Amino acid sequence: MRIAVWDTYVQRNNGTVMHFDILVPDTLKDEQRVFEFGKSYLKTKSFDTQNLTSKECKFCHIAVASKVMIENIETKGYDIIEMENCE
């Protein structure tokens, strides 16, 4: 499966910037839906963050998904790669 990688930076309320990637099928072109996936992910965190918009989240590139990524995308519609300050 080919996936679209959306590079995302969101400021936490303590000023730290989170960096994570939202992974979706490459056929998904609805930017707002990608943002909703990111917002759903942020709701799982124990801390508050600023809003997620096109300013914080941009399409980056196409990649090939791993088996785990495919399973998560088939279950939730998306997957997340946590890069920095996500805990």
Protein backbone atom coordinates (compact mmCIF):
# COMPACT_ATOMS: atom_id res chain seq x y z
CA MET A 1 0.00 0.00 0.00
CA ARG A 2 1.22 3.48 -0.86
CA ILE A 3 0.63 6.10 1.80
CA ALA A 4 0.69 9.87 1.92
CA VAL A 5 2.82 11.28 4.73
CA TRP A 6 1.61 14.54 6.26
CA ASP A 7 4.34 16.31 8.25
CA THR A 8 2.74 17.89 11.32
CA TYR A 9 3.95 20.33 13.98
CA VAL A 10 1.62 21.35 16.82
CA GLN A 11 2.47 23.53 19.79
CA ARG A 12 1.70 22.12 23.20
CA ASN A 13 0.30 24.56 25.75
CA ASN A 14 3.63 24.50 27.62
CA GLY A 15 5.33 25.95 24.51
CA THR A 16 7.00 22.72 23.35
CA VAL A 17 6.40 21.82 19.71
CA MET A 18 5.23 18.30 18.88
CA HIS A 19 6.35 16.77 15.59
CA PHE A 20 4.51 13.78 14.17
CA ASP A 21 3.52 12.35 10.81
CA ILE A 22 -0.05 11.47 9.86
CA LEU A 23 -0.13 8.52 7.45
CA VAL A 24 -3.14 7.96 5.19
CA PRO A 25 -3.80 6.08 1.95
CA ASP A 26 -2.32 8.00 -1.00
CA THR A 27 -5.79 8.05 -2.56
CA LEU A 28 -7.13 10.25 0.27
CA LYS A 29 -7.13 13.82 -1.06
CA ASP A 30 -9.45 15.45 1.51
CA GLU A 31 -7.16 17.69 3.57
CA GLN A 32 -9.84 18.32 6.20
CA ARG A 33 -10.18 14.59 6.83
CA VAL A 34 -6.41 14.34 7.40
CA PHE A 35 -6.70 17.21 9.91
CA GLU A 36 -9.53 15.37 11.68
CA PHE A 37 -7.31 12.29 12.01
CA GLY A 38 -4.61 14.49 13.56
CA LYS A 39 -7.12 16.01 15.97
CA SER A 40 -8.30 12.53 16.97
CA TYR A 41 -4.71 11.57 17.70
CA LEU A 42 -4.17 14.73 19.78
CA LYS A 43 -7.23 13.88 21.90
CA THR A 44 -5.42 10.73 23.06
CA LYS A 45 -2.71 12.83 24.71
CA SER A 46 -2.73 13.72 28.41
CA PHE A 47 -1.77 17.33 27.67
CA ASP A 48 -3.40 20.19 25.78
CA THR A 49 -2.24 21.50 22.41
CA GLN A 50 -2.96 24.36 20.07
CA ASN A 51 -5.19 23.88 17.03
CA LEU A 52 -4.18 21.77 14.05
CA THR A 53 -4.66 23.46 10.65
CA SER A 54 -3.02 23.57 7.22
CA LYS A 55 -0.39 25.85 8.75
CA GLU A 56 0.76 23.03 11.05
CA CYS A 57 0.10 20.05 8.77
CA LYS A 58 1.32 19.70 5.19
CA PHE A 59 1.59 16.89 2.68
CA CYS A 60 5.23 15.78 2.57
CA HIS A 61 5.70 12.70 0.38
CA ILE A 62 4.46 9.26 -0.70
CA ALA A 63 5.90 6.14 0.93
CA VAL A 64 5.28 2.40 1.10
CA ALA A 65 3.46 1.30 4.25
CA SER A 66 4.69 -1.40 6.59
CA LYS A 67 2.39 -4.21 7.69
CA VAL A 68 1.68 -2.48 11.02
CA MET A 69 0.88 0.81 9.26
CA ILE A 70 -1.51 -0.97 6.91
CA GLU A 71 -3.27 -2.65 9.85
CA ASN A 72 -3.71 0.70 11.64
CA ILE A 73 -4.94 2.43 8.48
CA GLU A 74 -7.43 -0.37 7.82
CA THR A 75 -8.68 -0.13 11.43
CA LYS A 76 -8.70 3.65 12.07
CA GLY A 77 -8.25 5.17 8.62
CA TYR A 78 -4.80 6.54 9.54
CA ASP A 79 -1.58 5.87 11.41
CA ILE A 80 0.80 8.15 13.31
CA ILE A 81 4.57 8.24 13.54
CA GLU A 82 5.62 10.17 16.64
CA MET A 83 8.81 12.12 15.97
CA GLU A 84 9.43 14.69 18.75
CA ASN A 85 7.83 15.78 22.03
CA CYS A 86 4.79 13.52 21.68
CA GLU A 87 4.94 12.10 25.21
